[in-house]
C-alpha atoms as a PDB file:
ATOM      1  CA  UNK A   1      52.508  17.438  13.756  1.00  0.00           C
ATOM      2  CA  UNK A   2      49.283  19.827  14.515  1.00  0.00           C
ATOM      3  CA  UNK A   3      47.097  20.678  12.235  1.00  0.00           C
ATOM      4  CA  UNK A   4      47.784  24.440  11.223  1.00  0.00           C
ATOM      5  CA  UNK A   5      44.484  26.992  10.967  1.00  0.00           C
ATOM      6  CA  UNK A   6      43.965  26.852   7.346  1.00  0.00           C
ATOM      7  CA  UNK A   7      43.753  22.959   8.206  1.00  0.00           C
ATOM      8  CA  UNK A   8      41.232  23.133  10.768  1.00  0.00           C
ATOM      9  CA  UNK A   9      39.144  25.398   8.922  1.00  0.00           C
ATOM     10  CA  UNK A  10      39.346  23.036   5.794  1.00  0.00           C
ATOM     11  CA  UNK A  11      38.430  20.005   8.510  1.00  0.00           C
ATOM     12  CA  UNK A  12      35.486  21.423  10.794  1.00  0.00           C
ATOM     13  CA  UNK A  13      33.722  22.665   6.778  1.00  0.00           C
ATOM     14  CA  UNK A  14      34.266  19.207   5.330  1.00  0.00           C
ATOM     15  CA  UNK A  15      32.668  17.759   8.489  1.00  0.00           C
ATOM     16  CA  UNK A  16      29.798  20.187   8.622  1.00  0.00           C
ATOM     17  CA  UNK A  17      29.033  19.327   4.137  1.00  0.00           C
ATOM     18  CA  UNK A  18      29.105  15.397   5.270  1.00  0.00           C
ATOM     19  CA  UNK A  19      26.520  16.390   8.663  1.00  0.00           C
ATOM     20  CA  UNK A  20      24.366  18.334   6.581  1.00  0.00           C
ATOM     21  CA  UNK A  21      24.545  15.178   3.599  1.00  0.00           C
ATOM     22  CA  UNK A  22      23.712  13.524   6.045  1.00  0.00           C
ATOM     23  CA  UNK A  23      20.657  15.284   7.892  1.00  0.00           C
ATOM     24  CA  UNK A  24      19.160  15.295   4.022  1.00  0.00           C
ATOM     25  CA  UNK A  25      19.799  11.686   3.295  1.00  0.00           C
ATOM     26  CA  UNK A  26      16.165  10.104   3.949  1.00  0.00           C
ATOM     27  CA  UNK A  27      15.997   6.133   4.488  1.00  0.00           C
ATOM     28  CA  UNK A  28      13.761   5.216   2.169  1.00  0.00           C
ATOM     29  CA  UNK A  29      10.829   2.354   2.801  1.00  0.00           C
ATOM     30  CA  UNK A  30      12.012  -1.509   3.143  1.00  0.00           C
ATOM     31  CA  UNK A  31      11.507  -3.547   0.121  1.00  0.00           C
ATOM     32  CA  UNK A  32      12.350  -7.033  -0.591  1.00  0.00           C
ATOM     33  CA  UNK A  33      12.611  -8.080  -4.429  1.00  0.00           C
ATOM     34  CA  UNK A  34      12.482 -11.582  -5.265  1.00  0.00           C
ATOM     35  CA  UNK A  35      12.630 -13.368  -8.891  1.00  0.00           C
ATOM     36  CA  UNK A  36      13.411 -12.508 -12.247  1.00  0.00           C
ATOM     37  CA  UNK A  37      11.887 -11.653 -15.849  1.00  0.00           C
ATOM     38  CA  UNK A  38      10.925  -8.950 -18.514  1.00  0.00           C
ATOM     39  CA  UNK A  39       8.276  -7.516 -16.409  1.00  0.00           C
ATOM     40  CA  UNK A  40       8.169  -6.065 -12.486  1.00  0.00           C
ATOM     41  CA  UNK A  41       5.576  -6.872 -10.213  1.00  0.00           C
ATOM     42  CA  UNK A  42       5.507  -4.031  -7.409  1.00  0.00           C
ATOM     43  CA  UNK A  43       3.472  -4.750  -4.328  1.00  0.00           C
ATOM     44  CA  UNK A  44       2.268  -2.739  -1.147  1.00  0.00           C
ATOM     45  CA  UNK A  45       0.324  -4.260   1.372  1.00  0.00           C
ATOM     46  CA  UNK A  46      -2.435  -2.979   3.974  1.00  0.00           C
ATOM     47  CA  UNK A  47      -2.070  -0.894   6.998  1.00  0.00           C
ATOM     48  CA  UNK A  48      -0.893  -3.397   9.886  1.00  0.00           C
ATOM     49  CA  UNK A  49       0.203  -5.799   6.937  1.00  0.00           C
ATOM     50  CA  UNK A  50       4.084  -6.670   6.022  1.00  0.00           C
ATOM     51  CA  UNK A  51       5.475  -7.314   2.784  1.00  0.00           C
ATOM     52  CA  UNK A  52       6.101 -11.090   3.412  1.00  0.00           C
ATOM     53  CA  UNK A  53       2.374 -11.317   3.359  1.00  0.00           C
ATOM     54  CA  UNK A  54       2.416 -11.519  -0.385  1.00  0.00           C
ATOM     55  CA  UNK A  55       5.117 -14.241  -0.394  1.00  0.00           C
ATOM     56  CA  UNK A  56       2.751 -17.213  -1.155  1.00  0.00           C
ATOM     57  CA  UNK A  57       1.469 -15.183  -4.190  1.00  0.00           C
ATOM     58  CA  UNK A  58       5.215 -14.095  -5.238  1.00  0.00           C
ATOM     59  CA  UNK A  59       6.053 -18.099  -4.881  1.00  0.00           C
ATOM     60  CA  UNK A  60       3.913 -18.269  -8.311  1.00  0.00           C
ATOM     61  CA  UNK A  61       5.000 -15.280  -9.849  1.00  0.00           C
ATOM     62  CA  UNK A  62       8.737 -15.387  -9.167  1.00  0.00           C
ATOM     63  CA  UNK A  63       9.712 -17.522 -11.718  1.00  0.00           C
ATOM     64  CA  UNK A  64       8.426 -15.227 -14.330  1.00  0.00           C
ATOM     65  CA  UNK A  65       8.816 -11.628 -13.126  1.00  0.00           C
ATOM     66  CA  UNK A  66      10.604  -9.349 -10.873  1.00  0.00           C
ATOM     67  CA  UNK A  67       8.514  -9.169  -7.284  1.00  0.00           C
ATOM     68  CA  UNK A  68       8.924  -5.914  -5.115  1.00  0.00           C
ATOM     69  CA  UNK A  69       7.685  -6.278  -2.208  1.00  0.00           C
ATOM     70  CA  UNK A  70       7.531  -2.913  -0.126  1.00  0.00           C
ATOM     71  CA  UNK A  71       7.116  -2.234   3.288  1.00  0.00           C
ATOM     72  CA  UNK A  72       4.583   0.556   4.132  1.00  0.00           C
ATOM     73  CA  UNK A  73       5.622   3.585   5.445  1.00  0.00           C
ATOM     74  CA  UNK A  74       5.918   3.615   9.225  1.00  0.00           C
ATOM     75  CA  UNK A  75       5.493  -0.574   9.360  1.00  0.00           C
ATOM     76  CA  UNK A  76       8.486  -2.552   9.763  1.00  0.00           C
ATOM     77  CA  UNK A  77      11.752  -0.775   9.493  1.00  0.00           C
ATOM     78  CA  UNK A  78      10.178   1.441   7.172  1.00  0.00           C
ATOM     79  CA  UNK A  79      10.533   5.005   8.603  1.00  0.00           C
ATOM     80  CA  UNK A  80       6.815   6.882   8.873  1.00  0.00           C
ATOM     81  CA  UNK A  81       7.070  10.547   6.864  1.00  0.00           C
ATOM     82  CA  UNK A  82       7.545  13.554   9.231  1.00  0.00           C
ATOM     83  CA  UNK A  83       5.459  15.597   9.470  1.00  0.00           C
ATOM     84  CA  UNK A  84       2.739  13.247   8.401  1.00  0.00           C
ATOM     85  CA  UNK A  85       0.200  13.024   5.606  1.00  0.00           C
ATOM     86  CA  UNK A  86      -1.237  10.656   3.041  1.00  0.00           C
ATOM     87  CA  UNK A  87       0.554  12.504   0.212  1.00  0.00           C
ATOM     88  CA  UNK A  88       4.354  12.079   2.123  1.00  0.00           C
ATOM     89  CA  UNK A  89       3.338   8.355   2.427  1.00  0.00           C
ATOM     90  CA  UNK A  90       2.194   8.304  -1.443  1.00  0.00           C
ATOM     91  CA  UNK A  91       5.974  10.208  -2.351  1.00  0.00           C
ATOM     92  CA  UNK A  92       7.619   7.900  -0.013  1.00  0.00           C
ATOM     93  CA  UNK A  93       5.979   4.584  -2.056  1.00  0.00           C
ATOM     94  CA  UNK A  94       6.436   6.426  -5.774  1.00  0.00           C
ATOM     95  CA  UNK A  95      10.181   6.703  -5.105  1.00  0.00           C
ATOM     96  CA  UNK A  96      10.130   2.789  -5.026  1.00  0.00           C
ATOM     97  CA  UNK A  97       8.078   2.681  -8.246  1.00  0.00           C
ATOM     98  CA  UNK A  98      10.504   5.178  -9.675  1.00  0.00           C
ATOM     99  CA  UNK A  99      13.411   2.789  -9.497  1.00  0.00           C
ATOM    100  CA  UNK A 100      11.637   0.334 -11.752  1.00  0.00           C
ATOM    101  CA  UNK A 101      11.359   0.218 -15.170  1.00  0.00           C
ATOM    102  CA  UNK A 102       8.275   2.206 -16.507  1.00  0.00           C
ATOM    103  CA  UNK A 103       7.300   0.716 -19.727  1.00  0.00           C
ATOM    104  CA  UNK A 104       7.767  -3.033 -18.006  1.00  0.00           C
ATOM    105  CA  UNK A 105       6.298  -2.246 -14.433  1.00  0.00           C
ATOM    106  CA  UNK A 106       2.474  -2.630 -12.805  1.00  0.00           C
ATOM    107  CA  UNK A 107       1.949  -1.821  -9.096  1.00  0.00           C
ATOM    108  CA  UNK A 108      -0.624  -4.037  -7.106  1.00  0.00           C
ATOM    109  CA  UNK A 109      -1.567  -2.354  -3.937  1.00  0.00           C
ATOM    110  CA  UNK A 110      -4.083  -3.736  -0.968  1.00  0.00           C
ATOM    111  CA  UNK A 111      -6.171  -1.582   1.074  1.00  0.00           C
ATOM    112  CA  UNK A 112      -4.124   1.520   2.187  1.00  0.00           C
ATOM    113  CA  UNK A 113      -1.325   0.278   0.237  1.00  0.00           C
ATOM    114  CA  UNK A 114      -3.872   0.894  -2.643  1.00  0.00           C
ATOM    115  CA  UNK A 115      -4.728   3.882  -1.819  1.00  0.00           C
ATOM    116  CA  UNK A 116      -1.170   5.336  -1.546  1.00  0.00           C
ATOM    117  CA  UNK A 117      -0.217   3.573  -4.541  1.00  0.00           C
ATOM    118  CA  UNK A 118      -2.971   5.456  -6.861  1.00  0.00           C
ATOM    119  CA  UNK A 119      -1.840   8.772  -5.679  1.00  0.00           C
ATOM    120  CA  UNK A 120       1.551   8.157  -6.049  1.00  0.00           C
ATOM    121  CA  UNK A 121       0.724   6.800  -9.635  1.00  0.00           C
ATOM    122  CA  UNK A 122      -1.654   9.565 -10.272  1.00  0.00           C
ATOM    123  CA  UNK A 123       1.221  12.354  -9.003  1.00  0.00           C
ATOM    124  CA  UNK A 124       3.440  11.243 -10.813  1.00  0.00           C
ATOM    125  CA  UNK A 125       2.444   9.452 -14.543  1.00  0.00           C
ATOM    126  CA  UNK A 126       4.231   7.157 -16.318  1.00  0.00           C
ATOM    127  CA  UNK A 127       6.321   5.342 -14.234  1.00  0.00           C
ATOM    128  CA  UNK A 128       4.010   2.111 -14.516  1.00  0.00           C
ATOM    129  CA  UNK A 129       1.826   0.497 -17.264  1.00  0.00           C
ATOM    130  CA  UNK A 130      -1.126  -0.646 -14.538  1.00  0.00           C
ATOM    131  CA  UNK A 131      -2.750  -1.001 -11.387  1.00  0.00           C
ATOM    132  CA  UNK A 132      -4.192  -3.682  -9.569  1.00  0.00           C
ATOM    133  CA  UNK A 133      -6.209  -2.144  -6.049  1.00  0.00           C
ATOM    134  CA  UNK A 134      -6.806  -5.403  -3.871  1.00  0.00           C
ATOM    135  CA  UNK A 135      -9.955  -4.771  -1.536  1.00  0.00           C
ATOM    136  CA  UNK A 136      -9.227  -0.980  -1.845  1.00  0.00           C
ATOM    137  CA  UNK A 137     -11.750   2.124  -0.291  1.00  0.00           C
ATOM    138  CA  UNK A 138     -11.089   5.483  -1.539  1.00  0.00           C
ATOM    139  CA  UNK A 139     -12.822   6.953   1.031  1.00  0.00           C
ATOM    140  CA  UNK A 140     -14.207   6.578   4.559  1.00  0.00           C
ATOM    141  CA  UNK A 141     -17.117   4.220   4.753  1.00  0.00           C
ATOM    142  CA  UNK A 142     -18.199   5.925   8.246  1.00  0.00           C
ATOM    143  CA  UNK A 143     -20.443   9.092   6.525  1.00  0.00           C
ATOM    144  CA  UNK A 144     -19.132  11.380   9.426  1.00  0.00           C
ATOM    145  CA  UNK A 145     -19.019  15.209   9.881  1.00  0.00           C
ATOM    146  CA  UNK A 146     -16.185  17.429  10.681  1.00  0.00           C
ATOM    147  CA  UNK A 147     -17.352  17.869  14.659  1.00  0.00           C
ATOM    148  CA  UNK A 148     -18.052  13.605  14.367  1.00  0.00           C
ATOM    149  CA  UNK A 149     -14.495  13.442  13.445  1.00  0.00           C
ATOM    150  CA  UNK A 150     -12.923  15.585  15.646  1.00  0.00           C
ATOM    151  CA  UNK A 151     -14.767  13.753  18.179  1.00  0.00           C
ATOM    152  CA  UNK A 152     -13.495  10.336  16.985  1.00  0.00           C
ATOM    153  CA  UNK A 153     -10.163  11.062  16.740  1.00  0.00           C
ATOM    154  CA  UNK A 154     -10.185  12.567  20.372  1.00  0.00           C
ATOM    155  CA  UNK A 155     -11.758   9.326  21.589  1.00  0.00           C
ATOM    156  CA  UNK A 156      -8.410   7.235  19.320  1.00  0.00           C
ATOM    157  CA  UNK A 157      -6.134   9.354  21.172  1.00  0.00           C
ATOM    158  CA  UNK A 158      -7.898   9.065  24.771  1.00  0.00           C
ATOM    159  CA  UNK A 159      -8.716   5.806  24.418  1.00  0.00           C
ATOM    160  CA  UNK A 160      -6.465   4.177  21.682  1.00  0.00           C
ATOM    161  CA  UNK A 161      -7.120   0.171  22.771  1.00  0.00           C
ATOM    162  CA  UNK A 162     -10.719   0.801  22.770  1.00  0.00           C
ATOM    163  CA  UNK A 163     -10.242   2.425  19.751  1.00  0.00           C
ATOM    164  CA  UNK A 164      -7.940  -0.356  18.200  1.00  0.00           C
ATOM    165  CA  UNK A 165     -10.459  -3.074  19.590  1.00  0.00           C
ATOM    166  CA  UNK A 166     -13.435  -1.750  18.077  1.00  0.00           C
ATOM    167  CA  UNK A 167     -11.833  -0.835  14.800  1.00  0.00           C
ATOM    168  CA  UNK A 168      -9.603  -3.589  13.728  1.00  0.00           C
ATOM    169  CA  UNK A 169     -11.144  -6.571  15.560  1.00  0.00           C
ATOM    170  CA  UNK A 170     -12.619  -8.318  12.678  1.00  0.00           C
ATOM    171  CA  UNK A 171     -10.537  -8.053  10.050  1.00  0.00           C
ATOM    172  CA  UNK A 172     -10.428 -11.563   9.175  1.00  0.00           C
ATOM    173  CA  UNK A 173     -12.674 -13.466   7.346  1.00  0.00           C
ATOM    174  CA  UNK A 174     -13.172 -15.905  10.373  1.00  0.00           C
ATOM    175  CA  UNK A 175     -12.512 -15.732  14.141  1.00  0.00           C
ATOM    176  CA  UNK A 176      -9.122 -17.624  14.012  1.00  0.00           C
ATOM    177  CA  UNK A 177      -8.057 -15.180  11.553  1.00  0.00           C
ATOM    178  CA  UNK A 178      -9.434 -12.365  13.084  1.00  0.00           C
ATOM    179  CA  UNK A 179      -7.685 -12.681  15.838  1.00  0.00           C
ATOM    180  CA  UNK A 180      -3.855 -13.139  14.409  1.00  0.00           C
ATOM    181  CA  UNK A 181      -4.879 -10.563  12.344  1.00  0.00           C
ATOM    182  CA  UNK A 182      -5.839  -7.750  15.425  1.00  0.00           C
ATOM    183  CA  UNK A 183      -2.654  -9.387  17.374  1.00  0.00           C
ATOM    184  CA  UNK A 184      -0.316  -8.018  13.987  1.00  0.00           C
ATOM    185  CA  UNK A 185      -2.504  -4.874  14.398  1.00  0.00           C
ATOM    186  CA  UNK A 186      -1.991  -4.184  17.965  1.00  0.00           C
ATOM    187  CA  UNK A 187       1.938  -4.694  17.560  1.00  0.00           C
ATOM    188  CA  UNK A 188       1.897  -1.915  15.052  1.00  0.00           C
ATOM    189  CA  UNK A 189       3.396   1.798  16.674  1.00  0.00           C
ATOM    190  CA  UNK A 190       0.557   3.608  17.421  1.00  0.00           C
ATOM    191  CA  UNK A 191       1.347   7.120  16.367  1.00  0.00           C
ATOM    192  CA  UNK A 192       1.666   4.839  12.670  1.00  0.00           C
ATOM    193  CA  UNK A 193      -1.898   3.911  13.376  1.00  0.00           C
ATOM    194  CA  UNK A 194      -3.544   7.333  14.510  1.00  0.00           C
ATOM    195  CA  UNK A 195      -1.238   9.098  11.985  1.00  0.00           C
ATOM    196  CA  UNK A 196      -2.790   7.425   8.906  1.00  0.00           C
ATOM    197  CA  UNK A 197      -6.511   7.125  10.520  1.00  0.00           C
ATOM    198  CA  UNK A 198      -6.562  10.823  11.266  1.00  0.00           C
ATOM    199  CA  UNK A 199      -5.952  11.597   7.414  1.00  0.00           C
ATOM    200  CA  UNK A 200      -8.360   8.319   6.245  1.00  0.00           C
ATOM    201  CA  UNK A 201     -11.388   9.857   8.210  1.00  0.00           C
ATOM    202  CA  UNK A 202     -11.077  12.964   5.801  1.00  0.00           C
ATOM    203  CA  UNK A 203      -9.647  11.218   2.426  1.00  0.00           C
ATOM    204  CA  UNK A 204     -10.928  11.247  -0.997  1.00  0.00           C
ATOM    205  CA  UNK A 205      -9.115   9.892  -3.393  1.00  0.00           C
ATOM    206  CA  UNK A 206     -11.802   9.779  -6.111  1.00  0.00           C
ATOM    207  CA  UNK A 207      -9.971  12.642  -7.791  1.00  0.00           C
ATOM    208  CA  UNK A 208      -6.641  11.093  -8.526  1.00  0.00           C
ATOM    209  CA  UNK A 209      -8.396   7.842  -9.747  1.00  0.00           C
ATOM    210  CA  UNK A 210      -9.873   9.728 -12.499  1.00  0.00           C
ATOM    211  CA  UNK A 211      -6.270  11.197 -13.219  1.00  0.00           C
ATOM    212  CA  UNK A 212      -4.714   7.718 -14.249  1.00  0.00           C
ATOM    213  CA  UNK A 213      -3.278   7.442 -16.973  1.00  0.00           C
ATOM    214  CA  UNK A 214      -3.338   3.545 -16.884  1.00  0.00           C
ATOM    215  CA  UNK A 215      -5.440   0.979 -16.997  1.00  0.00           C
ATOM    216  CA  UNK A 216      -7.105  -0.060 -13.394  1.00  0.00           C
ATOM    217  CA  UNK A 217      -8.112  -3.268 -12.438  1.00  0.00           C
ATOM    218  CA  UNK A 218     -10.291  -4.080  -8.938  1.00  0.00           C
ATOM    219  CA  UNK A 219      -9.952  -7.229  -6.847  1.00  0.00           C
ATOM    220  CA  UNK A 220     -12.343  -7.217  -4.242  1.00  0.00           C
ATOM    221  CA  UNK A 221     -13.123  -9.998  -1.887  1.00  0.00           C
ATOM    222  CA  UNK A 222     -15.580 -11.794   0.152  1.00  0.00           C
ATOM    223  CA  UNK A 223     -14.957  -9.248   3.390  1.00  0.00           C
ATOM    224  CA  UNK A 224     -15.537  -6.070   0.837  1.00  0.00           C
ATOM    225  CA  UNK A 225     -17.917  -7.335  -1.666  1.00  0.00           C
ATOM    226  CA  UNK A 226     -20.419  -9.412   1.251  1.00  0.00           C
ATOM    227  CA  UNK A 227     -23.211 -11.901   0.202  1.00  0.00           C
ATOM    228  CA  UNK A 228     -25.797 -10.952  -2.725  1.00  0.00           C
ATOM    229  CA  UNK A 229     -25.329  -7.103  -2.485  1.00  0.00           C
ATOM    230  CA  UNK A 230     -24.445  -5.267  -5.980  1.00  0.00           C
ATOM    231  CA  UNK A 231     -21.273  -3.447  -7.133  1.00  0.00           C
ATOM    232  CA  UNK A 232     -23.240  -0.522  -7.281  1.00  0.00           C
ATOM    233  CA  UNK A 233     -23.819  -0.909  -3.424  1.00  0.00           C
ATOM    234  CA  UNK A 234     -20.275  -1.875  -2.937  1.00  0.00           C
ATOM    235  CA  UNK A 235     -18.711   0.707  -5.411  1.00  0.00           C
ATOM    236  CA  UNK A 236     -20.581   3.694  -3.336  1.00  0.00           C
ATOM    237  CA  UNK A 237     -19.473   2.291   0.389  1.00  0.00           C
ATOM    238  CA  UNK A 238     -15.783   1.951  -1.059  1.00  0.00           C
ATOM    239  CA  UNK A 239     -15.789   5.622  -2.796  1.00  0.00           C
ATOM    240  CA  UNK A 240     -16.262   4.500  -6.212  1.00  0.00           C
ATOM    241  CA  UNK A 241     -18.302   7.084  -7.606  1.00  0.00           C
ATOM    242  CA  UNK A 242     -17.460   6.527 -11.089  1.00  0.00           C
ATOM    243  CA  UNK A 243     -18.462   2.789 -11.955  1.00  0.00           C
ATOM    244  CA  UNK A 244     -17.209   2.830 -15.290  1.00  0.00           C
ATOM    245  CA  UNK A 245     -13.562   3.926 -14.594  1.00  0.00           C
ATOM    246  CA  UNK A 246     -13.195   0.099 -13.100  1.00  0.00           C
ATOM    247  CA  UNK A 247     -14.847  -3.471 -13.417  1.00  0.00           C
ATOM    248  CA  UNK A 248     -14.525  -5.566 -10.336  1.00  0.00           C
ATOM    249  CA  UNK A 249     -13.504  -8.871  -9.634  1.00  0.00           C
ATOM    250  CA  UNK A 250     -14.602 -11.151  -7.078  1.00  0.00           C
ATOM    251  CA  UNK A 251     -12.074 -13.315  -5.045  1.00  0.00           C
ATOM    252  CA  UNK A 252     -14.236 -16.285  -3.267  1.00  0.00           C
ATOM    253  CA  UNK A 253     -13.077 -17.837  -0.122  1.00  0.00           C
ATOM    254  CA  UNK A 254     -11.313 -15.149   0.718  1.00  0.00           C
ATOM    255  CA  UNK A 255     -10.369 -12.126   3.097  1.00  0.00           C
ATOM    256  CA  UNK A 256      -8.157 -10.372   4.197  1.00  0.00           C
ATOM    257  CA  UNK A 257      -5.243 -12.360   3.638  1.00  0.00           C
ATOM    258  CA  UNK A 258      -5.798 -12.731   0.155  1.00  0.00           C
ATOM    259  CA  UNK A 259      -2.589 -13.511  -1.007  1.00  0.00           C
ATOM    260  CA  UNK A 260      -2.601 -16.292   1.673  1.00  0.00           C
ATOM    261  CA  UNK A 261      -6.098 -17.388   1.327  1.00  0.00           C
ATOM    262  CA  UNK A 262      -6.366 -17.725  -2.608  1.00  0.00           C
ATOM    263  CA  UNK A 263      -2.637 -17.033  -3.644  1.00  0.00           C
ATOM    264  CA  UNK A 264      -3.210 -19.038  -7.154  1.00  0.00           C
ATOM    265  CA  UNK A 265      -6.094 -16.978  -7.773  1.00  0.00           C
ATOM    266  CA  UNK A 266      -4.627 -13.728  -7.392  1.00  0.00           C
ATOM    267  CA  UNK A 267      -1.431 -14.626  -9.078  1.00  0.00           C
ATOM    268  CA  UNK A 268      -3.354 -15.694 -11.895  1.00  0.00           C
ATOM    269  CA  UNK A 269      -5.140 -12.408 -11.819  1.00  0.00           C
ATOM    270  CA  UNK A 270      -1.646 -10.366 -11.712  1.00  0.00           C
ATOM    271  CA  UNK A 271       0.044 -12.312 -14.611  1.00  0.00           C
ATOM    272  CA  UNK A 272      -3.111 -11.854 -16.613  1.00  0.00           C
ATOM    273  CA  UNK A 273      -2.768  -8.042 -16.075  1.00  0.00           C
ATOM    274  CA  UNK A 274       0.820  -7.738 -16.266  1.00  0.00           C
ATOM    275  CA  UNK A 275       0.784 -10.199 -19.907  1.00  0.00           C
ATOM    276  CA  UNK A 276      -1.848  -7.655 -21.207  1.00  0.00           C
ATOM    277  CA  UNK A 277       0.251  -4.835 -20.126  1.00  0.00           C
ATOM    278  CA  UNK A 278       3.314  -5.939 -21.633  1.00  0.00           C
ATOM    279  CA  UNK A 279       4.992  -9.046 -23.082  1.00  0.00           C
ATOM    280  CA  UNK A 280       5.133 -11.851 -21.173  1.00  0.00           C
ATOM    281  CA  UNK A 281       4.950 -15.247 -20.373  1.00  0.00           C
ATOM    282  CA  UNK A 282       1.800 -17.703 -20.023  1.00  0.00           C
ATOM    283  CA  UNK A 283       1.056 -18.006 -16.141  1.00  0.00           C
ATOM    284  CA  UNK A 284       0.892 -22.095 -15.396  1.00  0.00           C
ATOM    285  CA  UNK A 285       0.494 -21.677 -11.280  1.00  0.00           C
ATOM    286  CA  UNK A 286       2.749 -23.285  -9.121  1.00  0.00           C
ATOM    287  CA  UNK A 287       1.996 -25.229  -6.275  1.00  0.00           C
END
């Protein structure tokens, strides 16, 4: 039986509506959830990393909390926002945070993941009870004017391999770890790295820090807080202009991969923060 003209028209309308709905449906960020408990800890890794980086620390917490490991926008199968902006990337992080129980959730962000989590929580207050920043800067440590930034961006576009080597080849706490981290960084799509770097060179999340309505914990490793430097010196480099807003904790014998280098120490810190923000069990390290 051949469809009538009204039937064809209705079919075309249905197909058009389906196409519009499909076009408006944006894929979310990749997440992996492990564990169970009365509280939730959302974990966001840094640039060039992976949500699975958190597993050694998560292993020590999964019997007490629900752990949500988030793949940063532009990493793995998590889409890069189009058009790109740090604000759009932060919104993607917020969508994950907003799915949790606001009364029993804390957020942990490492490096770039920390800056994005900070921006997400500042723009959408009330969705979590606390924030832990791990080696997270609020602005670029490079003191560059607009002309110098434009020159650096142009160099990055024209000499990406050399820029990548210059910027990311010494990320580890030693040469062996640096080689591993650089190899992973080199595997990230250039469009992802370029998109973030163009924006990070001009970013300053200091104002967002002041807007937060939840306690902030700052965890720094030896990679970020070197030698006998004072907190005032480190704070200036990282962009924490008001040092009274955060009290840093220093984790020894750790670098960019602190969640693997010192999982017991980091797990104890995160559990302590969680228990301070909502009722939870006493933490005991699991080997």
